[in-house]
Amino acid sequence: MDSVRYKVLLVDDEPDMLTAYKGLLEGSGFSVVCAGSVREAVAAARDSAPDLVLSDVAMPEAGGKALTAALRGDPATKAIPIVLMSGAYKEEEDVAEGLEAGADDYLPKPASPRLLVARLRAVLRRASAPAELSEALKTEGIELDVAARIVTQEGKKVPLTRKEFDLLTTFLRRPGRVLNVAYLLETVWGYDPAEYNDPRTVTVHVSSLRQKLGKKFGTRLASVPSLGYRFDPA
């Protein structure tokens, strides 16, 4: 990844924050385009085709969640990975709201430079990973087209976020195996477990995935106390 110069669209209404994060990201090898509002960011996303969007959540008039909705609703920008940052970080509640809005990751603001860069690179790795996958995974009543990133359950599409899709794919490829939190964070999120090992990240996504899959299938994503999670085949 270090040999590729990825473009980040940085969105914040505070000029000082734009300057600080722009310098940090450029110093870490990223190309940076800046926007001071959601309106500017939507236009920049269409014009500059960034590899990733990093946006503050709280901005006047419209914030990061509104930006996420706007980008996800536009065919030209819907596939761009989005990372949200918030100074009003409220742990699981805020994380869940941001992820449900369609974000790929959610960070407290300010985040340490090392953690921020690591998380951005992890998101970029995940975004590029599906290119090597072309098969369709099937199990009782559910089908994943990995290349198209489409999930159908009993013939109906299931709307999953990018991370939920990758998490489900990981479980279905390893039926009956207990997958611990460190493994899931490394495999699905691309994190280094030595640097980031917060189980809440996995807990939030597994809970959301269960709800979307419904009682019939979601209950097969079993929690194994003190160990991790397991997909139970029928």
Protein backbone atom coordinates (compact mmCIF):
# COMPACT_ATOMS: atom_id res chain seq x y z
CA MET A 1 0.00 0.00 0.00
CA ASP A 2 2.87 2.37 0.74
CA SER A 3 3.83 2.39 -2.96
CA VAL A 4 0.41 3.79 -3.90
CA ARG A 5 -0.44 7.45 -3.28
CA TYR A 6 -4.08 7.37 -2.23
CA LYS A 7 -6.26 10.46 -2.39
CA VAL A 8 -8.21 11.48 0.72
CA LEU A 9 -11.05 14.00 0.70
CA LEU A 10 -10.76 15.74 4.09
CA VAL A 11 -13.93 17.48 5.31
CA ASP A 12 -14.06 19.86 8.29
CA ASP A 13 -15.54 23.31 8.88
CA GLU A 14 -12.59 24.38 11.09
CA PRO A 15 -9.66 25.72 9.02
CA ASP A 16 -7.14 24.88 11.73
CA MET A 17 -8.26 21.24 11.76
CA LEU A 18 -8.09 21.05 7.97
CA THR A 19 -4.54 22.39 8.06
CA ALA A 20 -3.44 20.04 10.84
CA TYR A 21 -4.92 16.87 9.36
CA LYS A 22 -3.86 17.79 5.83
CA GLY A 23 -0.26 18.06 7.00
CA LEU A 24 -0.49 14.77 8.88
CA LEU A 25 -1.97 12.87 5.96
CA GLU A 26 0.40 14.32 3.38
CA GLY A 27 3.30 13.50 5.67
CA SER A 28 2.04 9.91 5.73
CA GLY A 29 2.02 9.63 1.94
CA PHE A 30 -1.57 10.57 1.10
CA SER A 31 -2.73 13.10 -1.46
CA VAL A 32 -5.30 15.40 0.17
CA VAL A 33 -8.26 17.41 -1.15
CA CYS A 34 -10.02 19.66 1.38
CA ALA A 35 -13.64 20.77 1.78
CA GLY A 36 -15.17 23.00 4.44
CA SER A 37 -18.80 21.92 4.17
CA VAL A 38 -21.00 19.05 3.05
CA ARG A 39 -21.92 20.91 -0.14
CA GLU A 40 -18.26 21.43 -1.03
CA ALA A 41 -17.48 17.82 -0.13
CA VAL A 42 -20.18 16.36 -2.38
CA ALA A 43 -18.90 18.42 -5.31
CA ALA A 44 -15.29 17.49 -4.57
CA ALA A 45 -16.14 13.80 -4.32
CA ARG A 46 -17.70 13.91 -7.77
CA ASP A 47 -14.93 15.99 -9.33
CA SER A 48 -11.78 14.57 -7.75
CA ALA A 49 -12.78 10.90 -7.29
CA PRO A 50 -11.03 10.37 -3.94
CA ASP A 51 -10.07 6.92 -2.71
CA LEU A 52 -11.47 7.72 0.75
CA VAL A 53 -13.45 10.45 2.56
CA LEU A 54 -12.48 11.53 6.10
CA SER A 55 -15.15 13.80 7.56
CA ASP A 56 -15.97 15.51 10.83
CA VAL A 57 -19.41 14.55 12.13
CA ALA A 58 -20.49 17.90 13.62
CA MET A 59 -20.59 20.77 11.14
CA PRO A 60 -23.00 23.71 10.69
CA GLU A 61 -26.13 23.07 8.62
CA ALA A 62 -25.20 19.49 7.72
CA GLY A 63 -22.57 17.13 9.12
CA GLY A 64 -20.75 13.92 8.39
CA LYS A 65 -23.79 11.67 8.56
CA ALA A 66 -25.62 13.84 6.03
CA LEU A 67 -22.54 13.73 3.83
CA THR A 68 -22.45 9.94 4.11
CA ALA A 69 -26.10 9.72 3.05
CA ALA A 70 -25.49 12.05 0.10
CA LEU A 71 -22.47 10.10 -1.13
CA ARG A 72 -24.13 6.72 -0.68
CA GLY A 73 -27.16 7.95 -2.62
CA ASP A 74 -25.15 8.99 -5.68
CA PRO A 75 -24.09 6.20 -8.08
CA ALA A 76 -20.91 8.14 -8.85
CA THR A 77 -19.76 8.22 -5.22
CA LYS A 78 -21.60 5.41 -3.43
CA ALA A 79 -18.59 3.06 -3.37
CA ILE A 80 -16.13 5.55 -1.85
CA PRO A 81 -15.06 4.42 1.64
CA ILE A 82 -16.03 6.93 4.36
CA VAL A 83 -14.47 7.44 7.79
CA LEU A 84 -16.23 9.72 10.28
CA MET A 85 -14.63 11.55 13.20
CA SER A 86 -16.37 13.11 16.18
CA GLY A 87 -15.26 15.12 19.20
CA ALA A 88 -18.57 14.20 20.85
CA TYR A 89 -17.74 10.50 20.80
CA LYS A 90 -20.34 8.53 22.79
CA GLU A 91 -18.90 5.08 22.33
CA GLU A 92 -21.28 2.38 21.13
CA GLU A 93 -24.33 4.60 20.49
CA ASP A 94 -22.47 7.06 18.32
CA VAL A 95 -20.51 4.34 16.56
CA ALA A 96 -23.67 2.42 15.71
CA GLU A 97 -25.40 5.54 14.35
CA GLY A 98 -22.43 6.41 12.17
CA LEU A 99 -22.07 2.90 10.81
CA GLU A 100 -25.79 2.57 10.17
CA ALA A 101 -25.57 5.81 8.17
CA GLY A 102 -23.18 3.96 5.85
CA ALA A 103 -19.75 4.92 7.16
CA ASP A 104 -16.93 2.38 6.96
CA ASP A 105 -15.31 3.45 10.21
CA TYR A 106 -15.83 5.89 13.08
CA LEU A 107 -13.12 7.53 15.18
CA PRO A 108 -12.91 9.84 18.17
CA LYS A 109 -11.57 13.32 17.48
CA PRO A 110 -8.77 13.97 17.92
CA ALA A 111 -7.31 10.55 17.23
CA SER A 112 -3.63 9.82 17.62
CA PRO A 113 -1.78 10.27 14.31
CA ARG A 114 -0.62 6.66 14.31
CA LEU A 115 -4.10 5.27 14.94
CA LEU A 116 -5.72 7.57 12.37
CA VAL A 117 -3.31 6.60 9.61
CA ALA A 118 -3.54 2.91 10.51
CA ARG A 119 -7.34 2.96 10.39
CA LEU A 120 -7.41 4.79 7.05
CA ARG A 121 -5.02 2.27 5.55
CA ALA A 122 -7.10 -0.58 6.96
CA VAL A 123 -10.24 0.82 5.30
CA LEU A 124 -8.40 1.16 2.00
CA ARG A 125 -7.18 -2.43 2.23
CA ARG A 126 -10.70 -3.67 2.82
CA ALA A 127 -12.04 -1.61 -0.06
CA SER A 128 -9.58 -3.15 -2.49
CA ALA A 129 -9.75 -6.73 -1.15
CA PRO A 130 -12.97 -7.83 -2.94
CA ALA A 131 -11.25 -7.46 -6.31
CA GLU A 132 -9.58 -10.86 -5.78
CA LEU A 133 -12.87 -12.56 -4.94
CA SER A 134 -15.30 -13.68 -7.61
CA GLU A 135 -17.19 -16.65 -6.24
CA ALA A 136 -20.67 -16.80 -4.78
CA LEU A 137 -20.98 -18.29 -1.31
CA LYS A 138 -24.13 -20.24 -0.62
CA THR A 139 -25.63 -21.77 2.47
CA GLU A 140 -29.14 -22.72 3.51
CA GLY A 141 -31.44 -19.89 2.48
CA ILE A 142 -28.74 -17.26 1.95
CA GLU A 143 -26.42 -16.42 -0.93
CA LEU A 144 -23.50 -14.00 -1.18
CA ASP A 145 -22.20 -12.79 -4.52
CA VAL A 146 -18.78 -11.70 -3.31
CA ALA A 147 -17.75 -9.91 -6.49
CA ALA A 148 -20.98 -7.89 -6.69
CA ARG A 149 -21.20 -7.58 -2.87
CA ILE A 150 -24.86 -8.59 -2.89
CA VAL A 151 -26.57 -10.69 -0.22
CA THR A 152 -29.92 -12.38 -0.83
CA GLN A 153 -31.93 -14.29 1.72
CA GLU A 154 -34.73 -16.49 0.43
CA GLY A 155 -34.67 -14.47 -2.79
CA LYS A 156 -34.73 -11.01 -1.15
CA LYS A 157 -31.77 -8.61 -0.98
CA VAL A 158 -30.37 -7.87 2.47
CA PRO A 159 -28.92 -4.32 2.75
CA LEU A 160 -25.56 -4.72 4.49
CA THR A 161 -22.82 -2.17 5.08
CA ARG A 162 -19.38 -2.89 3.67
CA LYS A 163 -18.08 -4.20 7.00
CA GLU A 164 -21.16 -6.29 7.67
CA PHE A 165 -20.77 -7.92 4.27
CA ASP A 166 -17.09 -8.70 4.89
CA LEU A 167 -17.89 -10.03 8.37
CA LEU A 168 -20.61 -12.35 7.07
CA THR A 169 -18.31 -13.57 4.30
CA THR A 170 -15.65 -14.39 6.88
CA PHE A 171 -18.11 -16.39 9.00
CA LEU A 172 -19.56 -18.33 6.05
CA ARG A 173 -16.09 -19.31 4.87
CA ARG A 174 -15.31 -20.80 8.28
CA PRO A 175 -18.50 -22.57 9.44
CA GLY A 176 -18.31 -24.14 12.87
CA ARG A 177 -15.02 -22.44 13.79
CA VAL A 178 -14.71 -20.06 16.73
CA LEU A 179 -13.27 -16.79 15.45
CA ASN A 180 -11.83 -14.61 18.19
CA VAL A 181 -12.00 -10.82 18.32
CA ALA A 182 -8.35 -10.31 17.41
CA TYR A 183 -8.73 -12.53 14.34
CA LEU A 184 -11.86 -10.70 13.18
CA LEU A 185 -10.31 -7.27 13.72
CA GLU A 186 -7.28 -8.28 11.69
CA THR A 187 -9.14 -10.17 8.93
CA VAL A 188 -12.22 -7.99 8.44
CA TRP A 189 -10.98 -4.57 9.53
CA GLY A 190 -7.29 -4.87 8.71
CA TYR A 191 -6.19 -3.73 12.19
CA ASP A 192 -3.01 -4.79 13.92
CA PRO A 193 -4.33 -6.48 17.11
CA ALA A 194 -1.23 -5.30 18.97
CA GLU A 195 -2.31 -1.72 18.37
CA TYR A 196 -6.11 -1.99 18.38
CA ASN A 197 -8.10 -4.74 20.06
CA ASP A 198 -11.40 -3.16 21.16
CA PRO A 199 -14.10 -5.89 21.18
CA ARG A 200 -16.88 -3.28 20.91
CA THR A 201 -16.08 -2.82 17.24
CA VAL A 202 -16.91 -6.47 16.58
CA THR A 203 -19.85 -6.53 19.02
CA VAL A 204 -21.61 -3.62 17.30
CA HIS A 205 -21.27 -5.18 13.85
CA VAL A 206 -22.29 -8.70 14.88
CA SER A 207 -25.38 -7.29 16.62
CA SER A 208 -26.35 -5.28 13.53
CA LEU A 209 -25.70 -8.25 11.25
CA ARG A 210 -27.93 -10.50 13.37
CA GLN A 211 -30.78 -7.99 13.22
CA LYS A 212 -30.57 -7.61 9.46
CA LEU A 213 -30.43 -11.35 8.84
CA GLY A 214 -33.46 -11.93 11.06
CA LYS A 215 -34.14 -14.46 13.78
CA LYS A 216 -34.08 -17.51 11.52
CA PHE A 217 -30.51 -16.96 10.32
CA GLY A 218 -29.06 -14.33 12.68
CA THR A 219 -29.23 -16.63 15.70
CA ARG A 220 -26.74 -18.90 13.97
CA LEU A 221 -24.06 -16.28 14.58
CA ALA A 222 -23.35 -17.57 18.05
CA SER A 223 -21.42 -15.81 20.80
CA VAL A 224 -18.84 -18.02 22.52
CA PRO A 225 -18.13 -16.44 25.93
CA SER A 226 -14.52 -15.34 26.45
CA LEU A 227 -13.56 -16.73 23.04
CA GLY A 228 -15.36 -14.97 20.18
CA TYR A 229 -18.06 -15.88 17.65
CA ARG A 230 -19.01 -18.88 15.55
CA PHE A 231 -21.32 -19.46 12.60
CA ASP A 232 -23.35 -22.60 13.27
CA PRO A 233 -24.23 -24.49 10.07
CA ALA A 234 -27.69 -26.05 9.99
